[in-house]
Amino acid sequence: AGLKLLRSDVHIDLLITDVGLPGGMNGRQMADAGREVRPHLKTLFITGYAENAAIGDEQLGPGMRVLTKPFAIDALAARVQELMSV
């Protein structure tokens, strides 16, 4: 459902996705697929330490950040604000 929405014409300011997703596609793959049609899509990856490798060793692109679980709501708000200002 998320990928279908990313490929639609709905306005999206920010994609927030867990790195570990059910169904075979991980969060990095979801973001990369979204950026095929939305090249400037800002993305916040939520991850636990063990899942961090699923993001990929490659450097995150512009407008992509990671927030490690567990986190305080203030940390989430700060990271969203940071992403929205770039």
PDB file of N, CA and C in Angstrom:
ATOM      1  N   ALA A   1       0.826  -1.198   0.000  1.00  0.00           N
ATOM      2  CA  ALA A   1       0.000   0.000   0.000  1.00  0.00           C
ATOM      3  C   ALA A   1       0.869   1.260   0.000  1.00  0.00           C
ATOM      4  N   GLY A   2       1.975   1.225   0.753  1.00  0.00           N
ATOM      5  CA  GLY A   2       2.857   2.387   0.815  1.00  0.00           C
ATOM      6  C   GLY A   2       3.493   2.713  -0.520  1.00  0.00           C
ATOM      7  N   LEU A   3       3.934   1.690  -1.219  1.00  0.00           N
ATOM      8  CA  LEU A   3       4.571   1.899  -2.520  1.00  0.00           C
ATOM      9  C   LEU A   3       3.571   2.450  -3.526  1.00  0.00           C
ATOM     10  N   LYS A   4       2.345   1.944  -3.474  1.00  0.00           N
ATOM     11  CA  LYS A   4       1.293   2.444  -4.367  1.00  0.00           C
ATOM     12  C   LYS A   4       1.049   3.930  -4.108  1.00  0.00           C
ATOM     13  N   LEU A   5       1.018   4.315  -2.850  1.00  0.00           N
ATOM     14  CA  LEU A   5       0.820   5.715  -2.490  1.00  0.00           C
ATOM     15  C   LEU A   5       1.989   6.577  -2.965  1.00  0.00           C
ATOM     16  N   LEU A   6       3.207   6.071  -2.806  1.00  0.00           N
ATOM     17  CA  LEU A   6       4.386   6.814  -3.266  1.00  0.00           C
ATOM     18  C   LEU A   6       4.365   7.033  -4.771  1.00  0.00           C
ATOM     19  N   ARG A   7       3.789   6.099  -5.499  1.00  0.00           N
ATOM     20  CA  ARG A   7       3.730   6.192  -6.962  1.00  0.00           C
ATOM     21  C   ARG A   7       2.513   6.963  -7.456  1.00  0.00           C
ATOM     22  N   SER A   8       1.671   7.431  -6.543  1.00  0.00           N
ATOM     23  CA  SER A   8       0.485   8.197  -6.918  1.00  0.00           C
ATOM     24  C   SER A   8       0.844   9.682  -7.014  1.00  0.00           C
ATOM     25  N   ASP A   9      -0.174  10.501  -7.267  1.00  0.00           N
ATOM     26  CA  ASP A   9       0.075  11.945  -7.353  1.00  0.00           C
ATOM     27  C   ASP A   9      -0.254  12.678  -6.049  1.00  0.00           C
ATOM     28  N   VAL A  10      -0.411  11.935  -4.954  1.00  0.00           N
ATOM     29  CA  VAL A  10      -0.668  12.525  -3.641  1.00  0.00           C
ATOM     30  C   VAL A  10       0.567  13.306  -3.178  1.00  0.00           C
ATOM     31  N   HIS A  11       0.345  14.478  -2.590  1.00  0.00           N
ATOM     32  CA  HIS A  11       1.461  15.275  -2.062  1.00  0.00           C
ATOM     33  C   HIS A  11       2.024  14.596  -0.809  1.00  0.00           C
ATOM     34  N   ILE A  12       3.322  14.370  -0.795  1.00  0.00           N
ATOM     35  CA  ILE A  12       3.996  13.758   0.355  1.00  0.00           C
ATOM     36  C   ILE A  12       5.194  14.626   0.719  1.00  0.00           C
ATOM     37  N   ASP A  13       5.238  15.086   1.954  1.00  0.00           N
ATOM     38  CA  ASP A  13       6.359  15.899   2.424  1.00  0.00           C
ATOM     39  C   ASP A  13       7.520  15.051   2.910  1.00  0.00           C
ATOM     40  N   LEU A  14       7.205  13.923   3.551  1.00  0.00           N
ATOM     41  CA  LEU A  14       8.234  13.134   4.218  1.00  0.00           C
ATOM     42  C   LEU A  14       7.790  11.682   4.320  1.00  0.00           C
ATOM     43  N   LEU A  15       8.678  10.766   3.976  1.00  0.00           N
ATOM     44  CA  LEU A  15       8.448   9.337   4.173  1.00  0.00           C
ATOM     45  C   LEU A  15       9.149   8.929   5.461  1.00  0.00           C
ATOM     46  N   ILE A  16       8.392   8.366   6.392  1.00  0.00           N
ATOM     47  CA  ILE A  16       8.972   7.797   7.606  1.00  0.00           C
ATOM     48  C   ILE A  16       8.731   6.304   7.525  1.00  0.00           C
ATOM     49  N   THR A  17       9.809   5.528   7.501  1.00  0.00           N
ATOM     50  CA  THR A  17       9.683   4.087   7.335  1.00  0.00           C
ATOM     51  C   THR A  17      10.650   3.346   8.235  1.00  0.00           C
ATOM     52  N   ASP A  18      10.189   2.240   8.758  1.00  0.00           N
ATOM     53  CA  ASP A  18      11.087   1.350   9.481  1.00  0.00           C
ATOM     54  C   ASP A  18      11.968   0.670   8.442  1.00  0.00           C
ATOM     55  N   VAL A  19      13.176   0.354   8.802  1.00  0.00           N
ATOM     56  CA  VAL A  19      14.048  -0.366   7.875  1.00  0.00           C
ATOM     57  C   VAL A  19      13.506  -1.773   7.653  1.00  0.00           C
ATOM     58  N   GLY A  20      13.078  -2.431   8.719  1.00  0.00           N
ATOM     59  CA  GLY A  20      12.549  -3.787   8.604  1.00  0.00           C
ATOM     60  C   GLY A  20      11.060  -3.764   8.345  1.00  0.00           C
ATOM     61  N   LEU A  21      10.650  -4.115   7.126  1.00  0.00           N
ATOM     62  CA  LEU A  21       9.240  -4.145   6.758  1.00  0.00           C
ATOM     63  C   LEU A  21       8.822  -5.575   6.441  1.00  0.00           C
ATOM     64  N   PRO A  22       7.577  -5.936   6.717  1.00  0.00           N
ATOM     65  CA  PRO A  22       7.106  -7.270   6.345  1.00  0.00           C
ATOM     66  C   PRO A  22       6.857  -7.345   4.837  1.00  0.00           C
ATOM     67  N   GLY A  23       6.938  -8.528   4.289  1.00  0.00           N
ATOM     68  CA  GLY A  23       6.555  -8.705   2.891  1.00  0.00           C
ATOM     69  C   GLY A  23       7.683  -8.671   1.889  1.00  0.00           C
ATOM     70  N   GLY A  24       8.914  -8.690   2.334  1.00  0.00           N
ATOM     71  CA  GLY A  24      10.023  -8.822   1.392  1.00  0.00           C
ATOM     72  C   GLY A  24      10.768  -7.547   1.048  1.00  0.00           C
ATOM     73  N   MET A  25      10.125  -6.387   1.085  1.00  0.00           N
ATOM     74  CA  MET A  25      10.796  -5.132   0.749  1.00  0.00           C
ATOM     75  C   MET A  25      11.203  -4.446   2.046  1.00  0.00           C
ATOM     76  N   ASN A  26      12.449  -3.966   2.123  1.00  0.00           N
ATOM     77  CA  ASN A  26      12.848  -3.229   3.320  1.00  0.00           C
ATOM     78  C   ASN A  26      12.634  -1.729   3.106  1.00  0.00           C
ATOM     79  N   GLY A  27      12.826  -0.967   4.163  1.00  0.00           N
ATOM     80  CA  GLY A  27      12.583   0.465   4.097  1.00  0.00           C
ATOM     81  C   GLY A  27      13.472   1.186   3.105  1.00  0.00           C
ATOM     82  N   ARG A  28      14.717   0.749   2.968  1.00  0.00           N
ATOM     83  CA  ARG A  28      15.617   1.386   1.995  1.00  0.00           C
ATOM     84  C   ARG A  28      15.116   1.155   0.577  1.00  0.00           C
ATOM     85  N   GLN A  29      14.661  -0.067   0.308  1.00  0.00           N
ATOM     86  CA  GLN A  29      14.114  -0.370  -1.017  1.00  0.00           C
ATOM     87  C   GLN A  29      12.853   0.456  -1.281  1.00  0.00           C
ATOM     88  N   MET A  30      12.027   0.623  -0.254  1.00  0.00           N
ATOM     89  CA  MET A  30      10.819   1.445  -0.380  1.00  0.00           C
ATOM     90  C   MET A  30      11.193   2.888  -0.720  1.00  0.00           C
ATOM     91  N   ALA A  31      12.166   3.436  -0.012  1.00  0.00           N
ATOM     92  CA  ALA A  31      12.598   4.811  -0.266  1.00  0.00           C
ATOM     93  C   ALA A  31      13.198   4.950  -1.661  1.00  0.00           C
ATOM     94  N   ASP A  32      14.023   3.997  -2.060  1.00  0.00           N
ATOM     95  CA  ASP A  32      14.627   4.049  -3.393  1.00  0.00           C
ATOM     96  C   ASP A  32      13.561   3.984  -4.479  1.00  0.00           C
ATOM     97  N   ALA A  33      12.555   3.129  -4.292  1.00  0.00           N
ATOM     98  CA  ALA A  33      11.454   3.031  -5.259  1.00  0.00           C
ATOM     99  C   ALA A  33      10.669   4.343  -5.298  1.00  0.00           C
ATOM    100  N   GLY A  34      10.455   4.946  -4.140  1.00  0.00           N
ATOM    101  CA  GLY A  34       9.760   6.225  -4.087  1.00  0.00           C
ATOM    102  C   GLY A  34      10.533   7.329  -4.780  1.00  0.00           C
ATOM    103  N   ARG A  35      11.843   7.294  -4.643  1.00  0.00           N
ATOM    104  CA  ARG A  35      12.682   8.329  -5.269  1.00  0.00           C
ATOM    105  C   ARG A  35      12.795   8.170  -6.780  1.00  0.00           C
ATOM    106  N   GLU A  36      12.397   7.020  -7.297  1.00  0.00           N
ATOM    107  CA  GLU A  36      12.361   6.877  -8.759  1.00  0.00           C
ATOM    108  C   GLU A  36      11.345   7.837  -9.363  1.00  0.00           C
ATOM    109  N   VAL A  37      10.228   8.056  -8.676  1.00  0.00           N
ATOM    110  CA  VAL A  37       9.196   8.962  -9.177  1.00  0.00           C
ATOM    111  C   VAL A  37       9.154  10.286  -8.416  1.00  0.00           C
ATOM    112  N   ARG A  38       9.800  10.323  -7.263  1.00  0.00           N
ATOM    113  CA  ARG A  38       9.880  11.535  -6.435  1.00  0.00           C
ATOM    114  C   ARG A  38      11.346  11.736  -6.039  1.00  0.00           C
ATOM    115  N   PRO A  39      12.167  12.235  -6.944  1.00  0.00           N
ATOM    116  CA  PRO A  39      13.618  12.279  -6.706  1.00  0.00           C
ATOM    117  C   PRO A  39      14.043  13.049  -5.460  1.00  0.00           C
ATOM    118  N   HIS A  40      13.232  13.962  -4.987  1.00  0.00           N
ATOM    119  CA  HIS A  40      13.602  14.772  -3.821  1.00  0.00           C
ATOM    120  C   HIS A  40      12.845  14.353  -2.562  1.00  0.00           C
ATOM    121  N   LEU A  41      12.322  13.125  -2.558  1.00  0.00           N
ATOM    122  CA  LEU A  41      11.558  12.626  -1.416  1.00  0.00           C
ATOM    123  C   LEU A  41      12.439  12.565  -0.172  1.00  0.00           C
ATOM    124  N   LYS A  42      12.045  13.284   0.854  1.00  0.00           N
ATOM    125  CA  LYS A  42      12.768  13.247   2.127  1.00  0.00           C
ATOM    126  C   LYS A  42      12.350  11.988   2.876  1.00  0.00           C
ATOM    127  N   THR A  43      13.329  11.323   3.498  1.00  0.00           N
ATOM    128  CA  THR A  43      13.063  10.032   4.126  1.00  0.00           C
ATOM    129  C   THR A  43      13.738   9.938   5.481  1.00  0.00           C
ATOM    130  N   LEU A  44      12.964   9.491   6.465  1.00  0.00           N
ATOM    131  CA  LEU A  44      13.490   9.199   7.789  1.00  0.00           C
ATOM    132  C   LEU A  44      13.358   7.700   8.017  1.00  0.00           C
ATOM    133  N   PHE A  45      14.493   7.034   8.182  1.00  0.00           N
ATOM    134  CA  PHE A  45      14.515   5.605   8.470  1.00  0.00           C
ATOM    135  C   PHE A  45      14.516   5.408   9.980  1.00  0.00           C
ATOM    136  N   ILE A  46      13.630   4.549  10.460  1.00  0.00           N
ATOM    137  CA  ILE A  46      13.587   4.170  11.861  1.00  0.00           C
ATOM    138  C   ILE A  46      14.182   2.770  11.936  1.00  0.00           C
ATOM    139  N   THR A  47      15.146   2.564  12.828  1.00  0.00           N
ATOM    140  CA  THR A  47      15.809   1.266  12.866  1.00  0.00           C
ATOM    141  C   THR A  47      16.321   0.923  14.252  1.00  0.00           C
ATOM    142  N   GLY A  48      16.390  -0.366  14.508  1.00  0.00           N
ATOM    143  CA  GLY A  48      17.088  -0.887  15.671  1.00  0.00           C
ATOM    144  C   GLY A  48      18.514  -1.197  15.253  1.00  0.00           C
ATOM    145  N   TYR A  49      19.407  -1.313  16.195  1.00  0.00           N
ATOM    146  CA  TYR A  49      20.825  -1.531  15.895  1.00  0.00           C
ATOM    147  C   TYR A  49      21.051  -2.693  14.941  1.00  0.00           C
ATOM    148  N   ALA A  50      20.386  -3.820  15.152  1.00  0.00           N
ATOM    149  CA  ALA A  50      20.616  -5.011  14.336  1.00  0.00           C
ATOM    150  C   ALA A  50      20.149  -4.828  12.904  1.00  0.00           C
ATOM    151  N   GLU A  51      19.153  -3.959  12.696  1.00  0.00           N
ATOM    152  CA  GLU A  51      18.623  -3.768  11.348  1.00  0.00           C
ATOM    153  C   GLU A  51      19.398  -2.728  10.550  1.00  0.00           C
ATOM    154  N   ASN A  52      20.314  -2.039  11.180  1.00  0.00           N
ATOM    155  CA  ASN A  52      21.002  -0.927  10.546  1.00  0.00           C
ATOM    156  C   ASN A  52      21.677  -1.315   9.239  1.00  0.00           C
ATOM    157  N   ALA A  53      22.184  -2.543   9.128  1.00  0.00           N
ATOM    158  CA  ALA A  53      22.866  -2.984   7.913  1.00  0.00           C
ATOM    159  C   ALA A  53      21.928  -3.026   6.716  1.00  0.00           C
ATOM    160  N   ALA A  54      20.631  -3.166   6.944  1.00  0.00           N
ATOM    161  CA  ALA A  54      19.671  -3.242   5.841  1.00  0.00           C
ATOM    162  C   ALA A  54      19.536  -1.921   5.099  1.00  0.00           C
ATOM    163  N   ILE A  55      19.978  -0.827   5.704  1.00  0.00           N
ATOM    164  CA  ILE A  55      19.940   0.461   5.023  1.00  0.00           C
ATOM    165  C   ILE A  55      20.948   0.461   3.885  1.00  0.00           C
ATOM    166  N   GLY A  56      22.025  -0.246   4.073  1.00  0.00           N
ATOM    167  CA  GLY A  56      23.058  -0.331   3.050  1.00  0.00           C
ATOM    168  C   GLY A  56      24.301   0.406   3.490  1.00  0.00           C
ATOM    169  N   ASP A  57      25.421  -0.085   3.043  1.00  0.00           N
ATOM    170  CA  ASP A  57      26.681   0.552   3.389  1.00  0.00           C
ATOM    171  C   ASP A  57      26.886   1.849   2.628  1.00  0.00           C
ATOM    172  N   GLU A  58      26.144   1.997   1.532  1.00  0.00           N
ATOM    173  CA  GLU A  58      26.293   3.217   0.760  1.00  0.00           C
ATOM    174  C   GLU A  58      25.811   4.409   1.570  1.00  0.00           C
ATOM    175  N   GLN A  59      26.367   5.542   1.286  1.00  0.00           N
ATOM    176  CA  GLN A  59      26.006   6.758   2.006  1.00  0.00           C
ATOM    177  C   GLN A  59      24.557   7.122   1.711  1.00  0.00           C
ATOM    178  N   LEU A  60      23.855   7.601   2.715  1.00  0.00           N
ATOM    179  CA  LEU A  60      22.479   8.037   2.507  1.00  0.00           C
ATOM    180  C   LEU A  60      22.474   9.277   1.628  1.00  0.00           C
ATOM    181  N   GLY A  61      21.490   9.363   0.780  1.00  0.00           N
ATOM    182  CA  GLY A  61      21.375  10.497  -0.118  1.00  0.00           C
ATOM    183  C   GLY A  61      20.926  11.751   0.609  1.00  0.00           C
ATOM    184  N   PRO A  62      20.917  12.872  -0.102  1.00  0.00           N
ATOM    185  CA  PRO A  62      20.433  14.115   0.495  1.00  0.00           C
ATOM    186  C   PRO A  62      18.980  13.950   0.929  1.00  0.00           C
ATOM    187  N   GLY A  63      18.647  14.510   2.067  1.00  0.00           N
ATOM    188  CA  GLY A  63      17.279  14.421   2.546  1.00  0.00           C
ATOM    189  C   GLY A  63      16.927  13.077   3.147  1.00  0.00           C
ATOM    190  N   MET A  64      17.939  12.272   3.494  1.00  0.00           N
ATOM    191  CA  MET A  64      17.716  10.980   4.147  1.00  0.00           C
ATOM    192  C   MET A  64      18.447  10.979   5.481  1.00  0.00           C
ATOM    193  N   ARG A  65      17.748  10.562   6.530  1.00  0.00           N
ATOM    194  CA  ARG A  65      18.339  10.476   7.860  1.00  0.00           C
ATOM    195  C   ARG A  65      17.882   9.190   8.528  1.00  0.00           C
ATOM    196  N   VAL A  66      18.581   8.818   9.611  1.00  0.00           N
ATOM    197  CA  VAL A  66      18.274   7.610  10.373  1.00  0.00           C
ATOM    198  C   VAL A  66      18.011   7.994  11.823  1.00  0.00           C
ATOM    199  N   LEU A  67      17.031   7.345  12.426  1.00  0.00           N
ATOM    200  CA  LEU A  67      16.748   7.495  13.851  1.00  0.00           C
ATOM    201  C   LEU A  67      16.706   6.092  14.440  1.00  0.00           C
ATOM    202  N   THR A  68      17.547   5.851  15.442  1.00  0.00           N
ATOM    203  CA  THR A  68      17.676   4.515  16.022  1.00  0.00           C
ATOM    204  C   THR A  68      16.704   4.325  17.183  1.00  0.00           C
ATOM    205  N   LYS A  69      16.031   3.163  17.179  1.00  0.00           N
ATOM    206  CA  LYS A  69      15.115   2.790  18.274  1.00  0.00           C
ATOM    207  C   LYS A  69      15.912   2.277  19.455  1.00  0.00           C
ATOM    208  N   PRO A  70      15.401   2.452  20.654  1.00  0.00           N
ATOM    209  CA  PRO A  70      14.254   3.284  21.018  1.00  0.00           C
ATOM    210  C   PRO A  70      14.642   4.759  21.018  1.00  0.00           C
ATOM    211  N   PHE A  71      13.659   5.613  20.885  1.00  0.00           N
ATOM    212  CA  PHE A  71      13.928   7.048  20.875  1.00  0.00           C
ATOM    213  C   PHE A  71      12.815   7.786  21.607  1.00  0.00           C
ATOM    214  N   ALA A  72      13.150   8.954  22.104  1.00  0.00           N
ATOM    215  CA  ALA A  72      12.160   9.825  22.750  1.00  0.00           C
ATOM    216  C   ALA A  72      11.398  10.583  21.671  1.00  0.00           C
ATOM    217  N   ILE A  73      10.168  10.933  21.954  1.00  0.00           N
ATOM    218  CA  ILE A  73       9.343  11.661  20.992  1.00  0.00           C
ATOM    219  C   ILE A  73      10.004  12.981  20.595  1.00  0.00           C
ATOM    220  N   ASP A  74      10.737  13.593  21.520  1.00  0.00           N
ATOM    221  CA  ASP A  74      11.448  14.839  21.201  1.00  0.00           C
ATOM    222  C   ASP A  74      12.517  14.610  20.143  1.00  0.00           C
ATOM    223  N   ALA A  75      13.169  13.454  20.178  1.00  0.00           N
ATOM    224  CA  ALA A  75      14.184  13.128  19.172  1.00  0.00           C
ATOM    225  C   ALA A  75      13.536  12.954  17.803  1.00  0.00           C
ATOM    226  N   LEU A  76      12.370  12.319  17.774  1.00  0.00           N
ATOM    227  CA  LEU A  76      11.639  12.167  16.513  1.00  0.00           C
ATOM    228  C   LEU A  76      11.239  13.531  15.964  1.00  0.00           C
ATOM    229  N   ALA A  77      10.689  14.372  16.812  1.00  0.00           N
ATOM    230  CA  ALA A  77      10.269  15.707  16.382  1.00  0.00           C
ATOM    231  C   ALA A  77      11.452  16.516  15.852  1.00  0.00           C
ATOM    232  N   ALA A  78      12.592  16.428  16.529  1.00  0.00           N
ATOM    233  CA  ALA A  78      13.784  17.164  16.092  1.00  0.00           C
ATOM    234  C   ALA A  78      14.281  16.657  14.746  1.00  0.00           C
ATOM    235  N   ARG A  79      14.265  15.351  14.548  1.00  0.00           N
ATOM    236  CA  ARG A  79      14.743  14.786  13.284  1.00  0.00           C
ATOM    237  C   ARG A  79      13.803  15.156  12.132  1.00  0.00           C
ATOM    238  N   VAL A  80      12.500  15.142  12.386  1.00  0.00           N
ATOM    239  CA  VAL A  80      11.535  15.556  11.361  1.00  0.00           C
ATOM    240  C   VAL A  80      11.750  17.028  11.016  1.00  0.00           C
ATOM    241  N   GLN A  81      11.911  17.861  12.026  1.00  0.00           N
ATOM    242  CA  GLN A  81      12.143  19.288  11.785  1.00  0.00           C
ATOM    243  C   GLN A  81      13.429  19.497  10.983  1.00  0.00           C
ATOM    244  N   GLU A  82      14.477  18.756  11.323  1.00  0.00           N
ATOM    245  CA  GLU A  82      15.745  18.847  10.599  1.00  0.00           C
ATOM    246  C   GLU A  82      15.551  18.487   9.128  1.00  0.00           C
ATOM    247  N   LEU A  83      14.850  17.399   8.869  1.00  0.00           N
ATOM    248  CA  LEU A  83      14.629  16.970   7.487  1.00  0.00           C
ATOM    249  C   LEU A  83      13.784  17.970   6.705  1.00  0.00           C
ATOM    250  N   MET A  84      12.789  18.530   7.344  1.00  0.00           N
ATOM    251  CA  MET A  84      11.907  19.455   6.642  1.00  0.00           C
ATOM    252  C   MET A  84      12.594  20.781   6.330  1.00  0.00           C
ATOM    253  N   SER A  85      13.697  21.062   7.000  1.00  0.00           N
ATOM    254  CA  SER A  85      14.398  22.327   6.753  1.00  0.00           C
ATOM    255  C   SER A  85      15.476  22.213   5.677  1.00  0.00           C
ATOM    256  N   VAL A  86      15.746  21.000   5.181  1.00  0.00           N
ATOM    257  CA  VAL A  86      16.758  20.847   4.114  1.00  0.00           C
ATOM    258  C   VAL A  86      16.126  20.876   2.755  1.00  0.00           C
TER     259      VAL A  86
END
